[in-house]
Amino acid sequence: MDAFELAAYQVTNVEYACFLAAMSYPQPSCWNDPNFNHPKMPVVAISWHEAMSYCEWLNRGTSMSYRLPSEAEWERAARGDAERSRYPWGDTPPERLPDYARRWKSGPEPVGLYPPNTYGLYNLGDNVHEWCFDWYDAGYYGYSPERNPQGPTNASRRASRGGSWRHQIKVARTAARSSIPPEFKYADYGFRVARSSTI
């Protein structure tokens, strides 16, 4: 992968509230639900299109070039310096994470409560699925370019990565892939922003 930067945290409700106010966008369906509206929880129930609109708004306000990460960028960041490990922290089973049995009972948790991976990134693999920029093809990595894969040129679903508070398996392996149509809005889907490195 070429150098890039990835946000340390999933975009939170307090950050998304600035976008809603500036753009007069409708609130997500979970916005006023106490299981989802803590300011530091990741914003959820937004579509891929809304995540893209947030990036475009952020670009205008900062004169930077924020975007959704590609699938390959997300996985590279999640692996940190543990290339062959199953999870962002290594191979320790998720059930042995601190407080695992008490976490994610009725919604996501505020971001950054537990230690980051070796790159300083939080909640990679847990909390909510994260939208990626790419279209999704289950067989894509069988024919993708070796450097900077960007996903297929078209499909019906957008790629996502990471775990979900509402599934039986709360934490996803670093290599685990998922996808849904870009217009769907689920209470366990959020995102984090990326940008190409300026270094």
N, C-alpha and C. Protein backbone atom coordinates (compact mmCIF):
# COMPACT_ATOMS: atom_id res chain seq x y z
N MET A 1 0.83 -1.19 0.00
CA MET A 1 0.00 0.00 0.00
C MET A 1 0.88 1.25 0.00
N ASP A 2 0.46 2.25 -0.78
CA ASP A 2 1.07 3.55 -0.64
C ASP A 2 0.71 4.11 0.75
N ALA A 3 1.51 5.06 1.22
CA ALA A 3 1.27 5.63 2.54
C ALA A 3 -0.11 6.31 2.59
N PHE A 4 -0.78 6.16 3.72
CA PHE A 4 -2.07 6.80 3.93
C PHE A 4 -2.26 7.00 5.43
N GLU A 5 -3.25 7.78 5.78
CA GLU A 5 -3.58 8.02 7.18
C GLU A 5 -5.00 7.57 7.43
N LEU A 6 -5.25 7.01 8.61
CA LEU A 6 -6.57 6.54 8.99
C LEU A 6 -6.91 7.11 10.35
N ALA A 7 -8.14 7.57 10.52
CA ALA A 7 -8.55 8.15 11.79
C ALA A 7 -8.38 7.13 12.92
N ALA A 8 -7.97 7.61 14.06
CA ALA A 8 -7.77 6.74 15.21
C ALA A 8 -9.08 6.14 15.70
N TYR A 9 -10.19 6.87 15.49
CA TYR A 9 -11.49 6.45 16.00
C TYR A 9 -12.54 6.39 14.88
N GLN A 10 -13.57 5.62 15.11
CA GLN A 10 -14.76 5.68 14.28
C GLN A 10 -15.40 7.05 14.47
N VAL A 11 -16.01 7.60 13.42
CA VAL A 11 -16.67 8.91 13.52
C VAL A 11 -17.75 8.83 14.59
N THR A 12 -17.74 9.77 15.51
CA THR A 12 -18.64 9.74 16.66
C THR A 12 -19.88 10.59 16.43
N ASN A 13 -20.84 10.41 17.32
CA ASN A 13 -22.07 11.21 17.25
C ASN A 13 -21.78 12.70 17.38
N VAL A 14 -20.87 13.07 18.26
CA VAL A 14 -20.59 14.50 18.44
C VAL A 14 -19.97 15.10 17.18
N GLU A 15 -19.16 14.33 16.48
CA GLU A 15 -18.59 14.81 15.22
C GLU A 15 -19.66 14.87 14.12
N TYR A 16 -20.48 13.84 14.07
CA TYR A 16 -21.51 13.80 13.04
C TYR A 16 -22.56 14.89 13.26
N ALA A 17 -22.78 15.29 14.50
CA ALA A 17 -23.74 16.35 14.81
C ALA A 17 -23.33 17.66 14.13
N CYS A 18 -22.05 17.93 14.02
CA CYS A 18 -21.58 19.14 13.33
C CYS A 18 -21.97 19.11 11.86
N PHE A 19 -21.83 17.94 11.26
CA PHE A 19 -22.23 17.75 9.87
C PHE A 19 -23.73 17.95 9.70
N LEU A 20 -24.52 17.36 10.59
CA LEU A 20 -25.97 17.49 10.50
C LEU A 20 -26.39 18.95 10.59
N ALA A 21 -25.79 19.67 11.51
CA ALA A 21 -26.15 21.08 11.70
C ALA A 21 -25.76 21.92 10.49
N ALA A 22 -24.57 21.66 9.96
CA ALA A 22 -24.08 22.47 8.83
C ALA A 22 -24.84 22.18 7.54
N MET A 23 -25.25 20.93 7.36
CA MET A 23 -25.83 20.52 6.08
C MET A 23 -27.35 20.35 6.13
N SER A 24 -27.94 20.53 7.30
CA SER A 24 -29.39 20.31 7.47
C SER A 24 -29.80 18.92 7.01
N TYR A 25 -28.97 17.95 7.31
CA TYR A 25 -29.26 16.56 6.98
C TYR A 25 -30.22 15.98 8.01
N PRO A 26 -31.05 15.01 7.62
CA PRO A 26 -31.91 14.36 8.62
C PRO A 26 -31.08 13.52 9.59
N GLN A 27 -31.54 13.43 10.81
CA GLN A 27 -30.85 12.64 11.82
C GLN A 27 -30.99 11.16 11.51
N PRO A 28 -29.96 10.36 11.82
CA PRO A 28 -30.08 8.91 11.67
C PRO A 28 -31.21 8.37 12.55
N SER A 29 -31.73 7.22 12.20
CA SER A 29 -32.90 6.67 12.89
C SER A 29 -32.65 6.39 14.36
N CYS A 30 -31.41 6.12 14.75
CA CYS A 30 -31.08 5.81 16.15
C CYS A 30 -30.66 7.04 16.95
N TRP A 31 -30.72 8.20 16.37
CA TRP A 31 -30.11 9.40 16.93
C TRP A 31 -30.55 9.70 18.37
N ASN A 32 -31.82 9.49 18.68
CA ASN A 32 -32.33 9.82 20.01
C ASN A 32 -32.51 8.61 20.92
N ASP A 33 -32.06 7.46 20.47
CA ASP A 33 -32.15 6.24 21.26
C ASP A 33 -31.00 6.20 22.26
N PRO A 34 -31.27 6.07 23.56
CA PRO A 34 -30.18 6.09 24.56
C PRO A 34 -29.16 4.96 24.39
N ASN A 35 -29.51 3.91 23.66
CA ASN A 35 -28.55 2.85 23.40
C ASN A 35 -27.52 3.25 22.34
N PHE A 36 -27.76 4.38 21.67
CA PHE A 36 -26.90 4.76 20.54
C PHE A 36 -26.47 6.22 20.56
N ASN A 37 -26.97 7.04 21.49
CA ASN A 37 -26.75 8.48 21.33
C ASN A 37 -25.71 9.11 22.26
N HIS A 38 -24.92 8.31 22.94
CA HIS A 38 -23.81 8.88 23.71
C HIS A 38 -22.91 9.66 22.74
N PRO A 39 -22.47 10.86 23.11
CA PRO A 39 -21.67 11.67 22.18
C PRO A 39 -20.43 10.97 21.64
N LYS A 40 -19.83 10.09 22.44
CA LYS A 40 -18.59 9.43 22.02
C LYS A 40 -18.83 8.05 21.40
N MET A 41 -20.07 7.65 21.25
CA MET A 41 -20.35 6.41 20.51
C MET A 41 -20.17 6.68 19.02
N PRO A 42 -19.85 5.64 18.25
CA PRO A 42 -19.79 5.84 16.80
C PRO A 42 -21.19 6.12 16.26
N VAL A 43 -21.27 7.04 15.31
CA VAL A 43 -22.56 7.28 14.67
C VAL A 43 -22.93 6.02 13.88
N VAL A 44 -24.20 5.65 13.93
CA VAL A 44 -24.66 4.44 13.24
C VAL A 44 -25.93 4.74 12.45
N ALA A 45 -26.36 3.75 11.70
CA ALA A 45 -27.58 3.84 10.90
C ALA A 45 -27.48 4.92 9.83
N ILE A 46 -26.30 5.00 9.22
CA ILE A 46 -26.14 5.88 8.08
C ILE A 46 -25.70 5.05 6.88
N SER A 47 -26.10 5.48 5.71
CA SER A 47 -25.77 4.76 4.49
C SER A 47 -24.34 5.07 4.05
N TRP A 48 -23.86 4.30 3.09
CA TRP A 48 -22.56 4.58 2.47
C TRP A 48 -22.59 5.97 1.85
N HIS A 49 -23.70 6.33 1.22
CA HIS A 49 -23.81 7.65 0.58
C HIS A 49 -23.69 8.77 1.60
N GLU A 50 -24.28 8.58 2.78
CA GLU A 50 -24.18 9.60 3.83
C GLU A 50 -22.76 9.69 4.38
N ALA A 51 -22.09 8.56 4.50
CA ALA A 51 -20.69 8.58 4.92
C ALA A 51 -19.83 9.34 3.90
N MET A 52 -20.11 9.14 2.63
CA MET A 52 -19.39 9.87 1.59
C MET A 52 -19.69 11.36 1.66
N SER A 53 -20.94 11.72 1.93
CA SER A 53 -21.30 13.14 2.05
C SER A 53 -20.58 13.79 3.22
N TYR A 54 -20.43 13.04 4.31
CA TYR A 54 -19.68 13.55 5.47
C TYR A 54 -18.23 13.85 5.05
N CYS A 55 -17.61 12.94 4.32
CA CYS A 55 -16.23 13.16 3.87
C CYS A 55 -16.14 14.40 3.00
N GLU A 56 -17.09 14.56 2.09
CA GLU A 56 -17.09 15.74 1.20
C GLU A 56 -17.24 17.02 2.00
N TRP A 57 -18.13 17.01 3.00
CA TRP A 57 -18.32 18.17 3.88
C TRP A 57 -17.04 18.47 4.65
N LEU A 58 -16.39 17.44 5.18
CA LEU A 58 -15.15 17.61 5.92
C LEU A 58 -14.06 18.20 5.03
N ASN A 59 -14.01 17.77 3.79
CA ASN A 59 -13.02 18.31 2.86
C ASN A 59 -13.21 19.81 2.64
N ARG A 60 -14.45 20.21 2.47
CA ARG A 60 -14.73 21.64 2.25
C ARG A 60 -14.35 22.48 3.47
N GLY A 61 -14.57 21.94 4.64
CA GLY A 61 -14.29 22.68 5.87
C GLY A 61 -12.84 22.71 6.28
N THR A 62 -12.05 21.77 5.77
CA THR A 62 -10.66 21.67 6.22
C THR A 62 -9.64 21.86 5.10
N SER A 63 -10.10 21.91 3.86
CA SER A 63 -9.21 21.96 2.69
C SER A 63 -8.28 20.76 2.63
N MET A 64 -8.73 19.65 3.16
CA MET A 64 -7.99 18.40 3.09
C MET A 64 -8.73 17.45 2.14
N SER A 65 -8.23 16.24 2.00
CA SER A 65 -8.87 15.27 1.11
C SER A 65 -9.23 14.01 1.89
N TYR A 66 -10.26 14.12 2.71
CA TYR A 66 -10.74 12.96 3.46
C TYR A 66 -11.62 12.09 2.57
N ARG A 67 -11.66 10.81 2.90
CA ARG A 67 -12.42 9.83 2.12
C ARG A 67 -12.64 8.60 2.98
N LEU A 68 -13.39 7.66 2.47
CA LEU A 68 -13.48 6.36 3.11
C LEU A 68 -12.25 5.54 2.72
N PRO A 69 -11.76 4.71 3.61
CA PRO A 69 -10.61 3.87 3.24
C PRO A 69 -11.02 2.77 2.28
N SER A 70 -10.07 2.33 1.49
CA SER A 70 -10.31 1.11 0.71
C SER A 70 -10.29 -0.08 1.66
N GLU A 71 -10.83 -1.18 1.20
CA GLU A 71 -10.77 -2.41 2.01
C GLU A 71 -9.33 -2.77 2.35
N ALA A 72 -8.46 -2.68 1.36
CA ALA A 72 -7.07 -3.07 1.57
C ALA A 72 -6.39 -2.13 2.57
N GLU A 73 -6.69 -0.84 2.50
CA GLU A 73 -6.13 0.10 3.48
C GLU A 73 -6.61 -0.24 4.88
N TRP A 74 -7.91 -0.51 5.01
CA TRP A 74 -8.47 -0.84 6.32
C TRP A 74 -7.74 -2.05 6.91
N GLU A 75 -7.58 -3.09 6.10
CA GLU A 75 -6.93 -4.30 6.62
C GLU A 75 -5.47 -4.04 6.97
N ARG A 76 -4.78 -3.27 6.13
CA ARG A 76 -3.38 -2.96 6.42
C ARG A 76 -3.26 -2.23 7.76
N ALA A 77 -4.14 -1.26 7.98
CA ALA A 77 -4.11 -0.51 9.24
C ALA A 77 -4.47 -1.39 10.42
N ALA A 78 -5.45 -2.26 10.25
CA ALA A 78 -5.87 -3.14 11.34
C ALA A 78 -4.77 -4.12 11.73
N ARG A 79 -3.98 -4.55 10.78
CA ARG A 79 -2.91 -5.50 11.08
C ARG A 79 -1.77 -4.84 11.85
N GLY A 80 -1.59 -3.55 11.71
CA GLY A 80 -0.47 -2.90 12.39
C GLY A 80 0.82 -3.59 12.00
N ASP A 81 1.63 -3.92 13.00
CA ASP A 81 2.87 -4.64 12.69
C ASP A 81 2.73 -6.13 12.99
N ALA A 82 1.47 -6.59 13.09
CA ALA A 82 1.21 -8.01 13.35
C ALA A 82 0.65 -8.65 12.08
N GLU A 83 1.46 -8.75 11.05
CA GLU A 83 1.03 -9.16 9.72
C GLU A 83 0.26 -10.48 9.69
N ARG A 84 0.70 -11.44 10.47
CA ARG A 84 0.10 -12.78 10.38
C ARG A 84 -0.88 -13.09 11.50
N SER A 85 -1.19 -12.10 12.32
CA SER A 85 -2.09 -12.33 13.44
C SER A 85 -3.55 -12.32 12.99
N ARG A 86 -4.38 -13.03 13.74
CA ARG A 86 -5.80 -13.13 13.40
C ARG A 86 -6.57 -11.85 13.71
N TYR A 87 -6.14 -11.11 14.73
CA TYR A 87 -6.87 -9.93 15.20
C TYR A 87 -5.91 -8.74 15.28
N PRO A 88 -6.44 -7.51 15.39
CA PRO A 88 -5.55 -6.35 15.47
C PRO A 88 -4.58 -6.39 16.64
N TRP A 89 -4.90 -7.11 17.71
CA TRP A 89 -4.02 -7.17 18.88
C TRP A 89 -3.15 -8.42 18.91
N GLY A 90 -3.36 -9.36 17.99
CA GLY A 90 -2.60 -10.60 17.98
C GLY A 90 -3.52 -11.79 17.80
N ASP A 91 -3.20 -12.91 18.42
CA ASP A 91 -3.98 -14.13 18.26
C ASP A 91 -4.80 -14.51 19.49
N THR A 92 -4.75 -13.70 20.53
CA THR A 92 -5.55 -13.98 21.72
C THR A 92 -7.03 -13.99 21.35
N PRO A 93 -7.79 -15.01 21.73
CA PRO A 93 -9.21 -15.05 21.38
C PRO A 93 -9.96 -13.84 21.94
N PRO A 94 -10.95 -13.33 21.21
CA PRO A 94 -11.70 -12.16 21.68
C PRO A 94 -12.31 -12.34 23.05
N GLU A 95 -12.72 -13.57 23.37
CA GLU A 95 -13.36 -13.84 24.66
C GLU A 95 -12.45 -13.53 25.84
N ARG A 96 -11.16 -13.39 25.57
CA ARG A 96 -10.21 -13.08 26.64
C ARG A 96 -9.88 -11.60 26.71
N LEU A 97 -10.55 -10.77 25.89
CA LEU A 97 -10.36 -9.33 25.98
C LEU A 97 -10.94 -8.82 27.30
N PRO A 98 -10.45 -7.69 27.81
CA PRO A 98 -10.99 -7.15 29.07
C PRO A 98 -12.49 -6.91 28.99
N ASP A 99 -13.19 -7.37 29.98
CA ASP A 99 -14.64 -7.12 30.12
C ASP A 99 -15.48 -7.65 28.96
N TYR A 100 -14.96 -8.58 28.20
CA TYR A 100 -15.65 -9.03 26.99
C TYR A 100 -17.10 -9.45 27.27
N ALA A 101 -17.33 -10.17 28.34
CA ALA A 101 -18.68 -10.68 28.63
C ALA A 101 -19.68 -9.56 28.95
N ARG A 102 -19.18 -8.39 29.34
CA ARG A 102 -20.08 -7.29 29.71
C ARG A 102 -20.27 -6.27 28.60
N ARG A 103 -19.53 -6.40 27.52
CA ARG A 103 -19.51 -5.36 26.48
C ARG A 103 -20.57 -5.60 25.40
N TRP A 104 -21.01 -4.51 24.76
CA TRP A 104 -21.86 -4.55 23.57
C TRP A 104 -23.18 -5.28 23.80
N LYS A 105 -23.83 -5.01 24.91
CA LYS A 105 -25.09 -5.70 25.22
C LYS A 105 -26.27 -5.19 24.40
N SER A 106 -26.40 -3.87 24.27
CA SER A 106 -27.57 -3.32 23.57
C SER A 106 -27.21 -2.25 22.55
N GLY A 107 -25.94 -2.12 22.27
CA GLY A 107 -25.49 -1.14 21.30
C GLY A 107 -23.98 -1.04 21.33
N PRO A 108 -23.40 -0.16 20.51
CA PRO A 108 -21.95 0.01 20.55
C PRO A 108 -21.52 0.71 21.82
N GLU A 109 -20.24 0.73 22.08
CA GLU A 109 -19.71 1.44 23.24
C GLU A 109 -19.00 2.70 22.77
N PRO A 110 -18.79 3.67 23.65
CA PRO A 110 -17.99 4.83 23.26
C PRO A 110 -16.63 4.39 22.72
N VAL A 111 -16.13 5.10 21.75
CA VAL A 111 -14.87 4.72 21.13
C VAL A 111 -13.70 4.92 22.09
N GLY A 112 -12.65 4.12 21.90
CA GLY A 112 -11.40 4.33 22.61
C GLY A 112 -11.36 3.93 24.05
N LEU A 113 -12.26 3.07 24.51
CA LEU A 113 -12.26 2.67 25.91
C LEU A 113 -11.13 1.70 26.25
N TYR A 114 -10.65 0.98 25.27
CA TYR A 114 -9.64 -0.05 25.49
C TYR A 114 -8.43 0.24 24.62
N PRO A 115 -7.30 -0.40 24.86
CA PRO A 115 -6.06 -0.03 24.17
C PRO A 115 -6.16 -0.14 22.64
N PRO A 116 -5.40 0.70 21.94
CA PRO A 116 -5.37 0.66 20.47
C PRO A 116 -4.44 -0.44 19.97
N ASN A 117 -4.44 -0.62 18.65
CA ASN A 117 -3.45 -1.54 18.07
C ASN A 117 -2.10 -0.83 18.01
N THR A 118 -1.10 -1.49 17.42
CA THR A 118 0.26 -0.93 17.44
C THR A 118 0.39 0.35 16.63
N TYR A 119 -0.59 0.65 15.77
CA TYR A 119 -0.58 1.91 15.01
C TYR A 119 -1.37 3.01 15.72
N GLY A 120 -1.88 2.74 16.92
CA GLY A 120 -2.62 3.74 17.65
C GLY A 120 -4.06 3.90 17.20
N LEU A 121 -4.63 2.86 16.60
CA LEU A 121 -6.00 2.88 16.07
C LEU A 121 -6.92 2.07 16.98
N TYR A 122 -8.07 2.63 17.30
CA TYR A 122 -8.99 2.02 18.26
C TYR A 122 -10.17 1.33 17.57
N ASN A 123 -10.66 0.29 18.22
CA ASN A 123 -11.89 -0.40 17.82
C ASN A 123 -11.84 -0.99 16.42
N LEU A 124 -10.67 -1.33 15.96
CA LEU A 124 -10.58 -2.03 14.68
C LEU A 124 -10.96 -3.49 14.95
N GLY A 125 -11.99 -3.93 14.30
CA GLY A 125 -12.44 -5.30 14.49
C GLY A 125 -13.62 -5.43 15.42
N ASP A 126 -14.05 -4.35 16.09
CA ASP A 126 -15.18 -4.46 17.01
C ASP A 126 -16.03 -3.19 16.98
N ASN A 127 -17.08 -3.21 17.74
CA ASN A 127 -17.97 -2.07 17.94
C ASN A 127 -19.00 -1.96 16.81
N VAL A 128 -18.60 -1.51 15.62
CA VAL A 128 -19.51 -1.44 14.48
C VAL A 128 -18.77 -1.81 13.21
N HIS A 129 -19.51 -2.33 12.23
CA HIS A 129 -18.95 -2.49 10.90
C HIS A 129 -18.61 -1.12 10.36
N GLU A 130 -17.55 -1.04 9.56
CA GLU A 130 -17.12 0.24 9.00
C GLU A 130 -17.21 0.20 7.48
N TRP A 131 -17.92 1.17 6.92
CA TRP A 131 -17.99 1.29 5.47
C TRP A 131 -16.60 1.49 4.88
N CYS A 132 -16.34 0.84 3.76
CA CYS A 132 -15.15 1.09 2.96
C CYS A 132 -15.58 1.69 1.62
N PHE A 133 -14.65 2.26 0.91
CA PHE A 133 -14.99 2.90 -0.35
C PHE A 133 -15.37 1.88 -1.43
N ASP A 134 -14.75 0.73 -1.43
CA ASP A 134 -14.83 -0.23 -2.55
C ASP A 134 -16.21 -0.82 -2.78
N TRP A 135 -16.47 -1.12 -4.04
CA TRP A 135 -17.51 -2.08 -4.36
C TRP A 135 -17.03 -3.44 -3.87
N TYR A 136 -17.96 -4.36 -3.65
CA TYR A 136 -17.61 -5.66 -3.08
C TYR A 136 -17.73 -6.78 -4.11
N ASP A 137 -16.71 -7.63 -4.14
CA ASP A 137 -16.72 -8.86 -4.93
C ASP A 137 -16.03 -9.91 -4.07
N ALA A 138 -16.75 -10.99 -3.76
CA ALA A 138 -16.19 -12.03 -2.88
C ALA A 138 -14.89 -12.60 -3.41
N GLY A 139 -14.71 -12.63 -4.73
CA GLY A 139 -13.50 -13.21 -5.31
C GLY A 139 -12.47 -12.19 -5.74
N TYR A 140 -12.64 -10.93 -5.29
CA TYR A 140 -11.79 -9.85 -5.82
C TYR A 140 -10.31 -10.09 -5.61
N TYR A 141 -9.91 -10.59 -4.45
CA TYR A 141 -8.49 -10.73 -4.19
C TYR A 141 -7.84 -11.85 -4.98
N GLY A 142 -8.63 -12.60 -5.72
CA GLY A 142 -8.08 -13.59 -6.64
C GLY A 142 -7.55 -12.97 -7.92
N TYR A 143 -8.01 -11.75 -8.24
CA TYR A 143 -7.56 -11.11 -9.48
C TYR A 143 -7.14 -9.65 -9.29
N SER A 144 -7.12 -9.18 -8.08
CA SER A 144 -6.79 -7.77 -7.83
C SER A 144 -5.31 -7.49 -8.10
N PRO A 145 -4.96 -6.23 -8.35
CA PRO A 145 -3.53 -5.89 -8.45
C PRO A 145 -2.85 -6.09 -7.10
N GLU A 146 -1.56 -6.36 -7.15
CA GLU A 146 -0.83 -6.58 -5.90
C GLU A 146 -0.66 -5.29 -5.11
N ARG A 147 -0.57 -4.17 -5.80
CA ARG A 147 -0.33 -2.89 -5.12
C ARG A 147 -1.59 -2.02 -5.17
N ASN A 148 -1.96 -1.48 -4.02
CA ASN A 148 -3.09 -0.54 -3.91
C ASN A 148 -4.39 -1.04 -4.53
N PRO A 149 -4.84 -2.23 -4.20
CA PRO A 149 -6.12 -2.67 -4.77
C PRO A 149 -7.26 -1.75 -4.35
N GLN A 150 -8.12 -1.39 -5.29
CA GLN A 150 -9.20 -0.44 -5.05
C GLN A 150 -10.59 -1.05 -5.20
N GLY A 151 -10.67 -2.36 -5.32
CA GLY A 151 -11.96 -3.00 -5.48
C GLY A 151 -12.41 -3.04 -6.93
N PRO A 152 -13.45 -3.81 -7.22
CA PRO A 152 -13.95 -3.90 -8.59
C PRO A 152 -14.57 -2.57 -9.03
N THR A 153 -14.78 -2.41 -10.33
CA THR A 153 -15.29 -1.14 -10.84
C THR A 153 -16.78 -0.96 -10.62
N ASN A 154 -17.51 -2.04 -10.39
CA ASN A 154 -18.95 -1.92 -10.16
C ASN A 154 -19.47 -3.21 -9.53
N ALA A 155 -20.54 -3.08 -8.78
CA ALA A 155 -21.20 -4.22 -8.16
C ALA A 155 -22.50 -3.71 -7.55
N SER A 156 -23.14 -4.51 -6.73
CA SER A 156 -24.39 -4.07 -6.11
C SER A 156 -24.23 -3.78 -4.61
N ARG A 157 -23.06 -4.12 -4.06
CA ARG A 157 -22.84 -3.96 -2.62
C ARG A 157 -21.52 -3.25 -2.40
N ARG A 158 -21.46 -2.49 -1.28
CA ARG A 158 -20.21 -1.85 -0.89
C ARG A 158 -19.56 -2.66 0.22
N ALA A 159 -18.24 -2.67 0.22
CA ALA A 159 -17.49 -3.44 1.20
C ALA A 159 -17.54 -2.78 2.57
N SER A 160 -17.42 -3.61 3.60
CA SER A 160 -17.28 -3.12 4.96
C SER A 160 -16.34 -4.04 5.72
N ARG A 161 -15.79 -3.53 6.79
CA ARG A 161 -14.86 -4.31 7.61
C ARG A 161 -15.17 -4.07 9.08
N GLY A 162 -14.64 -4.96 9.92
CA GLY A 162 -14.77 -4.82 11.35
C GLY A 162 -15.93 -5.60 11.93
N GLY A 163 -15.98 -5.66 13.24
CA GLY A 163 -16.99 -6.44 13.95
C GLY A 163 -18.26 -5.66 14.20
N SER A 164 -19.17 -6.27 14.91
CA SER A 164 -20.48 -5.66 15.15
C SER A 164 -20.98 -5.99 16.54
N TRP A 165 -21.48 -4.97 17.23
CA TRP A 165 -22.01 -5.18 18.57
C TRP A 165 -23.20 -6.12 18.58
N ARG A 166 -23.95 -6.23 17.49
CA ARG A 166 -25.20 -6.97 17.54
C ARG A 166 -25.11 -8.43 17.10
N HIS A 167 -23.92 -8.87 16.67
CA HIS A 167 -23.79 -10.25 16.24
C HIS A 167 -23.30 -11.14 17.38
N GLN A 168 -23.52 -12.42 17.22
CA GLN A 168 -23.04 -13.37 18.23
C GLN A 168 -21.52 -13.29 18.34
N ILE A 169 -20.87 -13.18 17.19
CA ILE A 169 -19.42 -12.99 17.18
C ILE A 169 -19.19 -11.48 17.16
N LYS A 170 -18.78 -10.91 18.29
CA LYS A 170 -18.70 -9.46 18.45
C LYS A 170 -17.46 -8.85 17.81
N VAL A 171 -16.44 -9.65 17.62
CA VAL A 171 -15.17 -9.15 17.12
C VAL A 171 -14.79 -9.93 15.87
N ALA A 172 -14.48 -9.22 14.80
CA ALA A 172 -14.16 -9.88 13.53
C ALA A 172 -12.65 -10.06 13.38
N ARG A 173 -12.28 -11.15 12.73
CA ARG A 173 -10.88 -11.33 12.36
C ARG A 173 -10.46 -10.19 11.43
N THR A 174 -9.18 -9.88 11.42
CA THR A 174 -8.68 -8.79 10.58
C THR A 174 -8.98 -9.03 9.11
N ALA A 175 -8.96 -10.28 8.68
CA ALA A 175 -9.19 -10.59 7.27
C ALA A 175 -10.66 -10.76 6.93
N ALA A 176 -11.56 -10.72 7.90
CA ALA A 176 -12.98 -10.96 7.64
C ALA A 176 -13.57 -9.82 6.80
N ARG A 177 -14.38 -10.20 5.81
CA ARG A 177 -14.98 -9.23 4.90
C ARG A 177 -16.50 -9.29 5.00
N SER A 178 -17.14 -8.15 4.79
CA SER A 178 -18.61 -8.12 4.76
C SER A 178 -19.04 -7.05 3.76
N SER A 179 -20.34 -7.01 3.47
CA SER A 179 -20.84 -6.02 2.51
C SER A 179 -22.36 -5.93 2.61
N ILE A 180 -22.88 -4.77 2.23
CA ILE A 180 -24.32 -4.56 2.09
C ILE A 180 -24.52 -3.53 0.98
N PRO A 181 -25.73 -3.41 0.45
CA PRO A 181 -25.99 -2.36 -0.55
C PRO A 181 -25.74 -0.98 0.05
N PRO A 182 -25.24 -0.04 -0.75
CA PRO A 182 -24.81 1.25 -0.21
C PRO A 182 -25.93 2.12 0.35
N GLU A 183 -27.17 1.83 0.01
CA GLU A 183 -28.28 2.63 0.53
C GLU A 183 -28.80 2.11 1.86
N PHE A 184 -28.36 0.94 2.31
CA PHE A 184 -28.85 0.36 3.55
C PHE A 184 -28.32 1.16 4.76
N LYS A 185 -29.12 1.17 5.83
CA LYS A 185 -28.76 1.88 7.06
C LYS A 185 -29.05 0.96 8.24
N TYR A 186 -27.99 0.42 8.84
CA TYR A 186 -28.14 -0.51 9.95
C TYR A 186 -27.55 0.09 11.23
N ALA A 187 -28.09 -0.34 12.36
CA ALA A 187 -27.66 0.19 13.65
C ALA A 187 -26.29 -0.32 14.08
N ASP A 188 -25.67 -1.14 13.27
CA ASP A 188 -24.30 -1.58 13.58
C ASP A 188 -23.34 -1.21 12.46
N TYR A 189 -23.69 -0.21 11.67
CA TYR A 189 -22.81 0.28 10.60
C TYR A 189 -22.42 1.73 10.85
N GLY A 190 -21.11 1.97 10.88
CA GLY A 190 -20.56 3.31 10.99
C GLY A 190 -19.39 3.44 10.02
N PHE A 191 -18.45 4.32 10.34
CA PHE A 191 -17.30 4.51 9.44
C PHE A 191 -16.21 5.29 10.14
N ARG A 192 -15.03 5.27 9.55
CA ARG A 192 -13.95 6.17 9.95
C ARG A 192 -13.34 6.73 8.68
N VAL A 193 -12.68 7.87 8.79
CA VAL A 193 -12.18 8.53 7.59
C VAL A 193 -10.71 8.23 7.38
N ALA A 194 -10.30 8.37 6.12
CA ALA A 194 -8.91 8.17 5.73
C ALA A 194 -8.49 9.35 4.85
N ARG A 195 -7.21 9.45 4.61
CA ARG A 195 -6.71 10.38 3.59
C ARG A 195 -5.34 9.90 3.15
N SER A 196 -4.97 10.24 1.94
CA SER A 196 -3.64 9.90 1.44
C SER A 196 -2.61 10.68 2.23
N SER A 197 -1.48 10.07 2.48
CA SER A 197 -0.47 10.69 3.33
C SER A 197 0.12 11.91 2.67
N THR A 198 0.37 12.93 3.48
CA THR A 198 0.99 14.16 2.98
C THR A 198 2.50 14.13 3.18
N ILE A 199 3.00 13.03 3.73
CA ILE A 199 4.45 12.92 4.00
C ILE A 199 5.19 12.53 2.72
